[in-house]
Amino acid sequence: MDYNPGYNEAMLLVGNSFYNQSQLDSAIQWYEGAYSNGYRSAILCHLMAYIYDVKGETHRAINLYKEAIGQDSTLATIYARLGELIPGDEGNWYRLKAAKLKEQ
């Protein structure tokens, strides 16, 4: 990282290492670094959303969950979680979508 601070793959590896040790505050710092550099993937958005969800930062989690399904629309667990986090008709839409994906 000293030679190339924009090396996203290294940031993700360090973030994953902290994540696997349940050190979520440290993991999110590294994930945010790659995200800020423009790196995007469904997995990264999902991991970041989960961490923010656990930390109680619901609005941030919802936005990242939505971004994750924008990259991979087959992730039924994310639709289900959005259905839990979002009230009303919008949340119901996510719950129904999760149920349809689970049937397939």
N, C-alpha and C. Protein backbone atom coordinates (compact mmCIF):
# COMPACT_ATOMS: atom_id res chain seq x y z
N MET A 1 0.82 -1.19 0.00
CA MET A 1 0.00 0.00 0.00
C MET A 1 0.87 1.26 0.00
N ASP A 2 2.10 1.18 0.53
CA ASP A 2 2.99 2.33 0.52
C ASP A 2 3.36 2.72 -0.92
N TYR A 3 3.54 1.71 -1.77
CA TYR A 3 3.94 1.99 -3.15
C TYR A 3 2.77 2.35 -4.05
N ASN A 4 1.60 1.82 -3.73
CA ASN A 4 0.43 2.09 -4.57
C ASN A 4 -0.81 2.19 -3.69
N PRO A 5 -1.08 3.36 -3.12
CA PRO A 5 -2.22 3.51 -2.21
C PRO A 5 -3.57 3.30 -2.87
N GLY A 6 -3.62 3.26 -4.19
CA GLY A 6 -4.87 3.03 -4.90
C GLY A 6 -5.06 1.59 -5.32
N TYR A 7 -4.29 0.68 -4.77
CA TYR A 7 -4.36 -0.74 -5.14
C TYR A 7 -5.57 -1.39 -4.45
N ASN A 8 -6.68 -1.38 -5.15
CA ASN A 8 -7.95 -1.82 -4.58
C ASN A 8 -7.93 -3.27 -4.12
N GLU A 9 -7.28 -4.14 -4.88
CA GLU A 9 -7.27 -5.56 -4.50
C GLU A 9 -6.61 -5.77 -3.14
N ALA A 10 -5.55 -4.99 -2.87
CA ALA A 10 -4.89 -5.09 -1.57
C ALA A 10 -5.82 -4.57 -0.47
N MET A 11 -6.52 -3.47 -0.75
CA MET A 11 -7.46 -2.94 0.25
C MET A 11 -8.53 -3.98 0.58
N LEU A 12 -9.03 -4.65 -0.46
CA LEU A 12 -10.06 -5.66 -0.24
C LEU A 12 -9.53 -6.84 0.57
N LEU A 13 -8.30 -7.25 0.29
CA LEU A 13 -7.70 -8.36 1.05
C LEU A 13 -7.53 -7.99 2.53
N VAL A 14 -7.06 -6.79 2.79
CA VAL A 14 -6.90 -6.34 4.18
C VAL A 14 -8.28 -6.25 4.83
N GLY A 15 -9.26 -5.68 4.12
CA GLY A 15 -10.62 -5.59 4.64
C GLY A 15 -11.18 -6.96 4.95
N ASN A 16 -10.97 -7.91 4.04
CA ASN A 16 -11.47 -9.28 4.25
C ASN A 16 -10.82 -9.93 5.47
N SER A 17 -9.54 -9.65 5.65
CA SER A 17 -8.84 -10.20 6.81
C SER A 17 -9.47 -9.70 8.11
N PHE A 18 -9.72 -8.40 8.18
CA PHE A 18 -10.37 -7.86 9.38
C PHE A 18 -11.80 -8.38 9.51
N TYR A 19 -12.52 -8.47 8.39
CA TYR A 19 -13.90 -8.98 8.41
C TYR A 19 -13.94 -10.40 8.97
N ASN A 20 -13.02 -11.24 8.50
CA ASN A 20 -12.98 -12.64 8.96
C ASN A 20 -12.64 -12.77 10.43
N GLN A 21 -12.05 -11.73 10.99
CA GLN A 21 -11.74 -11.72 12.42
C GLN A 21 -12.80 -10.97 13.21
N SER A 22 -13.91 -10.63 12.54
CA SER A 22 -15.03 -9.90 13.15
C SER A 22 -14.62 -8.52 13.66
N GLN A 23 -13.62 -7.93 13.03
CA GLN A 23 -13.20 -6.57 13.35
C GLN A 23 -13.82 -5.65 12.30
N LEU A 24 -15.13 -5.44 12.45
CA LEU A 24 -15.90 -4.76 11.42
C LEU A 24 -15.53 -3.30 11.24
N ASP A 25 -15.17 -2.61 12.32
CA ASP A 25 -14.78 -1.20 12.19
C ASP A 25 -13.52 -1.06 11.34
N SER A 26 -12.58 -1.95 11.51
CA SER A 26 -11.36 -1.92 10.70
C SER A 26 -11.66 -2.35 9.27
N ALA A 27 -12.48 -3.37 9.11
CA ALA A 27 -12.82 -3.86 7.77
C ALA A 27 -13.48 -2.77 6.93
N ILE A 28 -14.42 -2.05 7.53
CA ILE A 28 -15.16 -1.05 6.75
C ILE A 28 -14.23 0.07 6.28
N GLN A 29 -13.21 0.39 7.05
CA GLN A 29 -12.26 1.43 6.62
C GLN A 29 -11.57 1.02 5.32
N TRP A 30 -11.16 -0.23 5.22
CA TRP A 30 -10.48 -0.71 4.02
C TRP A 30 -11.45 -0.85 2.86
N TYR A 31 -12.63 -1.35 3.14
CA TYR A 31 -13.64 -1.46 2.08
C TYR A 31 -14.01 -0.08 1.55
N GLU A 32 -14.16 0.87 2.44
CA GLU A 32 -14.48 2.24 2.03
C GLU A 32 -13.38 2.83 1.16
N GLY A 33 -12.13 2.46 1.46
CA GLY A 33 -11.02 2.93 0.66
C GLY A 33 -11.14 2.48 -0.79
N ALA A 34 -11.41 1.20 -0.99
CA ALA A 34 -11.57 0.68 -2.35
C ALA A 34 -12.80 1.29 -3.02
N TYR A 35 -13.88 1.41 -2.26
CA TYR A 35 -15.12 1.98 -2.79
C TYR A 35 -14.90 3.43 -3.22
N SER A 36 -14.19 4.19 -2.39
CA SER A 36 -13.90 5.59 -2.70
C SER A 36 -13.02 5.73 -3.94
N ASN A 37 -12.19 4.72 -4.20
CA ASN A 37 -11.34 4.71 -5.39
C ASN A 37 -12.11 4.31 -6.65
N GLY A 38 -13.41 4.03 -6.49
CA GLY A 38 -14.22 3.69 -7.65
C GLY A 38 -14.43 2.21 -7.87
N TYR A 39 -13.90 1.38 -6.99
CA TYR A 39 -14.11 -0.07 -7.13
C TYR A 39 -15.55 -0.40 -6.75
N ARG A 40 -16.23 -1.14 -7.60
CA ARG A 40 -17.62 -1.54 -7.33
C ARG A 40 -17.81 -3.01 -7.68
N SER A 41 -18.46 -3.72 -6.79
CA SER A 41 -18.89 -5.09 -7.06
C SER A 41 -20.06 -5.38 -6.13
N ALA A 42 -20.86 -6.36 -6.52
CA ALA A 42 -22.00 -6.74 -5.69
C ALA A 42 -21.52 -7.23 -4.32
N ILE A 43 -20.41 -7.96 -4.32
CA ILE A 43 -19.89 -8.51 -3.06
C ILE A 43 -19.43 -7.39 -2.14
N LEU A 44 -18.68 -6.44 -2.67
CA LEU A 44 -18.21 -5.33 -1.84
C LEU A 44 -19.38 -4.54 -1.28
N CYS A 45 -20.34 -4.21 -2.13
CA CYS A 45 -21.51 -3.45 -1.66
C CYS A 45 -22.28 -4.23 -0.61
N HIS A 46 -22.40 -5.54 -0.80
CA HIS A 46 -23.11 -6.38 0.16
C HIS A 46 -22.38 -6.40 1.51
N LEU A 47 -21.07 -6.59 1.47
CA LEU A 47 -20.30 -6.61 2.72
C LEU A 47 -20.41 -5.28 3.46
N MET A 48 -20.26 -4.19 2.72
CA MET A 48 -20.35 -2.88 3.36
C MET A 48 -21.75 -2.64 3.91
N ALA A 49 -22.76 -3.02 3.15
CA ALA A 49 -24.14 -2.86 3.62
C ALA A 49 -24.37 -3.64 4.90
N TYR A 50 -23.88 -4.87 4.93
CA TYR A 50 -24.04 -5.71 6.13
C TYR A 50 -23.39 -5.04 7.34
N ILE A 51 -22.18 -4.53 7.16
CA ILE A 51 -21.48 -3.90 8.28
C ILE A 51 -22.26 -2.67 8.77
N TYR A 52 -22.70 -1.84 7.85
CA TYR A 52 -23.47 -0.66 8.26
C TYR A 52 -24.80 -1.07 8.89
N ASP A 53 -25.39 -2.15 8.40
CA ASP A 53 -26.63 -2.67 8.98
C ASP A 53 -26.39 -3.08 10.43
N VAL A 54 -25.33 -3.82 10.68
CA VAL A 54 -24.99 -4.26 12.04
C VAL A 54 -24.72 -3.07 12.95
N LYS A 55 -24.10 -2.03 12.40
CA LYS A 55 -23.77 -0.84 13.18
C LYS A 55 -24.98 0.07 13.39
N GLY A 56 -26.12 -0.27 12.80
CA GLY A 56 -27.32 0.52 12.98
C GLY A 56 -27.43 1.72 12.04
N GLU A 57 -26.58 1.77 11.03
CA GLU A 57 -26.62 2.85 10.05
C GLU A 57 -27.49 2.40 8.87
N THR A 58 -28.79 2.34 9.16
CA THR A 58 -29.76 1.74 8.25
C THR A 58 -29.82 2.43 6.89
N HIS A 59 -29.83 3.74 6.87
CA HIS A 59 -29.94 4.46 5.59
C HIS A 59 -28.77 4.11 4.67
N ARG A 60 -27.58 4.11 5.23
CA ARG A 60 -26.40 3.75 4.45
C ARG A 60 -26.47 2.31 3.99
N ALA A 61 -26.92 1.42 4.88
CA ALA A 61 -27.04 0.00 4.53
C ALA A 61 -28.02 -0.19 3.38
N ILE A 62 -29.16 0.47 3.45
CA ILE A 62 -30.18 0.34 2.41
C ILE A 62 -29.61 0.76 1.05
N ASN A 63 -28.93 1.88 1.02
CA ASN A 63 -28.36 2.35 -0.25
C ASN A 63 -27.35 1.36 -0.82
N LEU A 64 -26.52 0.80 0.04
CA LEU A 64 -25.52 -0.17 -0.43
C LEU A 64 -26.17 -1.50 -0.83
N TYR A 65 -27.18 -1.93 -0.10
CA TYR A 65 -27.90 -3.16 -0.50
C TYR A 65 -28.51 -2.95 -1.89
N LYS A 66 -29.10 -1.78 -2.11
CA LYS A 66 -29.69 -1.49 -3.42
C LYS A 66 -28.63 -1.48 -4.52
N GLU A 67 -27.49 -0.92 -4.20
CA GLU A 67 -26.40 -0.91 -5.18
C GLU A 67 -25.93 -2.33 -5.49
N ALA A 68 -25.89 -3.18 -4.47
CA ALA A 68 -25.47 -4.58 -4.68
C ALA A 68 -26.43 -5.30 -5.62
N ILE A 69 -27.74 -5.13 -5.43
CA ILE A 69 -28.67 -5.82 -6.33
C ILE A 69 -28.72 -5.16 -7.70
N GLY A 70 -28.27 -3.92 -7.78
CA GLY A 70 -28.12 -3.29 -9.08
C GLY A 70 -27.02 -3.94 -9.89
N GLN A 71 -26.06 -4.53 -9.20
CA GLN A 71 -24.95 -5.22 -9.85
C GLN A 71 -25.25 -6.70 -10.06
N ASP A 72 -26.04 -7.29 -9.16
CA ASP A 72 -26.41 -8.71 -9.27
C ASP A 72 -27.83 -8.86 -8.74
N SER A 73 -28.78 -8.93 -9.65
CA SER A 73 -30.20 -8.94 -9.27
C SER A 73 -30.71 -10.32 -8.84
N THR A 74 -29.82 -11.28 -8.63
CA THR A 74 -30.24 -12.62 -8.22
C THR A 74 -30.03 -12.88 -6.74
N LEU A 75 -29.62 -11.90 -5.98
CA LEU A 75 -29.29 -12.08 -4.56
C LEU A 75 -30.55 -11.98 -3.69
N ALA A 76 -31.24 -13.10 -3.55
CA ALA A 76 -32.50 -13.14 -2.82
C ALA A 76 -32.36 -12.68 -1.37
N THR A 77 -31.24 -12.98 -0.74
CA THR A 77 -31.06 -12.59 0.66
C THR A 77 -31.06 -11.07 0.83
N ILE A 78 -30.54 -10.36 -0.17
CA ILE A 78 -30.53 -8.90 -0.09
C ILE A 78 -31.94 -8.35 -0.26
N TYR A 79 -32.69 -8.90 -1.19
CA TYR A 79 -34.09 -8.47 -1.35
C TYR A 79 -34.85 -8.70 -0.04
N ALA A 80 -34.62 -9.86 0.58
CA ALA A 80 -35.31 -10.15 1.83
C ALA A 80 -34.94 -9.16 2.92
N ARG A 81 -33.66 -8.83 3.01
CA ARG A 81 -33.22 -7.89 4.04
C ARG A 81 -33.79 -6.50 3.78
N LEU A 82 -33.81 -6.08 2.52
CA LEU A 82 -34.42 -4.79 2.19
C LEU A 82 -35.91 -4.79 2.56
N GLY A 83 -36.56 -5.93 2.38
CA GLY A 83 -37.96 -6.05 2.76
C GLY A 83 -38.17 -5.87 4.26
N GLU A 84 -37.16 -6.26 5.03
CA GLU A 84 -37.23 -6.07 6.49
C GLU A 84 -36.93 -4.63 6.89
N LEU A 85 -36.03 -4.00 6.17
CA LEU A 85 -35.59 -2.66 6.55
C LEU A 85 -36.50 -1.54 6.06
N ILE A 86 -37.17 -1.78 4.93
CA ILE A 86 -37.97 -0.72 4.32
C ILE A 86 -39.46 -0.98 4.60
N PRO A 87 -40.14 -0.02 5.16
CA PRO A 87 -41.56 -0.21 5.48
C PRO A 87 -42.46 -0.01 4.25
N GLY A 88 -43.69 -0.39 4.41
CA GLY A 88 -44.73 -0.07 3.43
C GLY A 88 -44.63 -0.82 2.13
N ASP A 89 -45.21 -0.20 1.09
CA ASP A 89 -45.29 -0.83 -0.22
C ASP A 89 -43.93 -1.12 -0.82
N GLU A 90 -42.98 -0.20 -0.62
CA GLU A 90 -41.65 -0.44 -1.19
C GLU A 90 -41.03 -1.68 -0.54
N GLY A 91 -41.13 -1.81 0.76
CA GLY A 91 -40.61 -2.99 1.45
C GLY A 91 -41.32 -4.25 1.02
N ASN A 92 -42.62 -4.15 0.79
CA ASN A 92 -43.38 -5.30 0.34
C ASN A 92 -42.90 -5.77 -1.03
N TRP A 93 -42.56 -4.81 -1.90
CA TRP A 93 -42.05 -5.18 -3.23
C TRP A 93 -40.78 -6.02 -3.09
N TYR A 94 -39.89 -5.63 -2.19
CA TYR A 94 -38.65 -6.38 -1.97
C TYR A 94 -38.93 -7.76 -1.38
N ARG A 95 -39.89 -7.85 -0.48
CA ARG A 95 -40.25 -9.15 0.11
C ARG A 95 -40.80 -10.09 -0.96
N LEU A 96 -41.65 -9.58 -1.82
CA LEU A 96 -42.22 -10.40 -2.90
C LEU A 96 -41.13 -10.84 -3.88
N LYS A 97 -40.23 -9.95 -4.21
CA LYS A 97 -39.12 -10.28 -5.12
C LYS A 97 -38.24 -11.36 -4.50
N ALA A 98 -37.97 -11.27 -3.22
CA ALA A 98 -37.17 -12.30 -2.53
C ALA A 98 -37.85 -13.65 -2.59
N ALA A 99 -39.16 -13.66 -2.36
CA ALA A 99 -39.92 -14.91 -2.41
C ALA A 99 -39.89 -15.52 -3.80
N LYS A 100 -40.01 -14.71 -4.82
CA LYS A 100 -39.96 -15.21 -6.21
C LYS A 100 -38.59 -15.79 -6.52
N LEU A 101 -37.54 -15.13 -6.09
CA LEU A 101 -36.20 -15.62 -6.35
C LEU A 101 -35.92 -16.94 -5.61
N LYS A 102 -36.46 -17.07 -4.42
CA LYS A 102 -36.26 -18.30 -3.66
C LYS A 102 -36.99 -19.47 -4.29
N GLU A 103 -38.09 -19.20 -4.96
CA GLU A 103 -38.85 -20.26 -5.64
C GLU A 103 -38.09 -20.82 -6.84
N GLN A 104 -37.28 -20.00 -7.45
CA GLN A 104 -36.59 -20.42 -8.68
C GLN A 104 -35.48 -21.38 -8.44
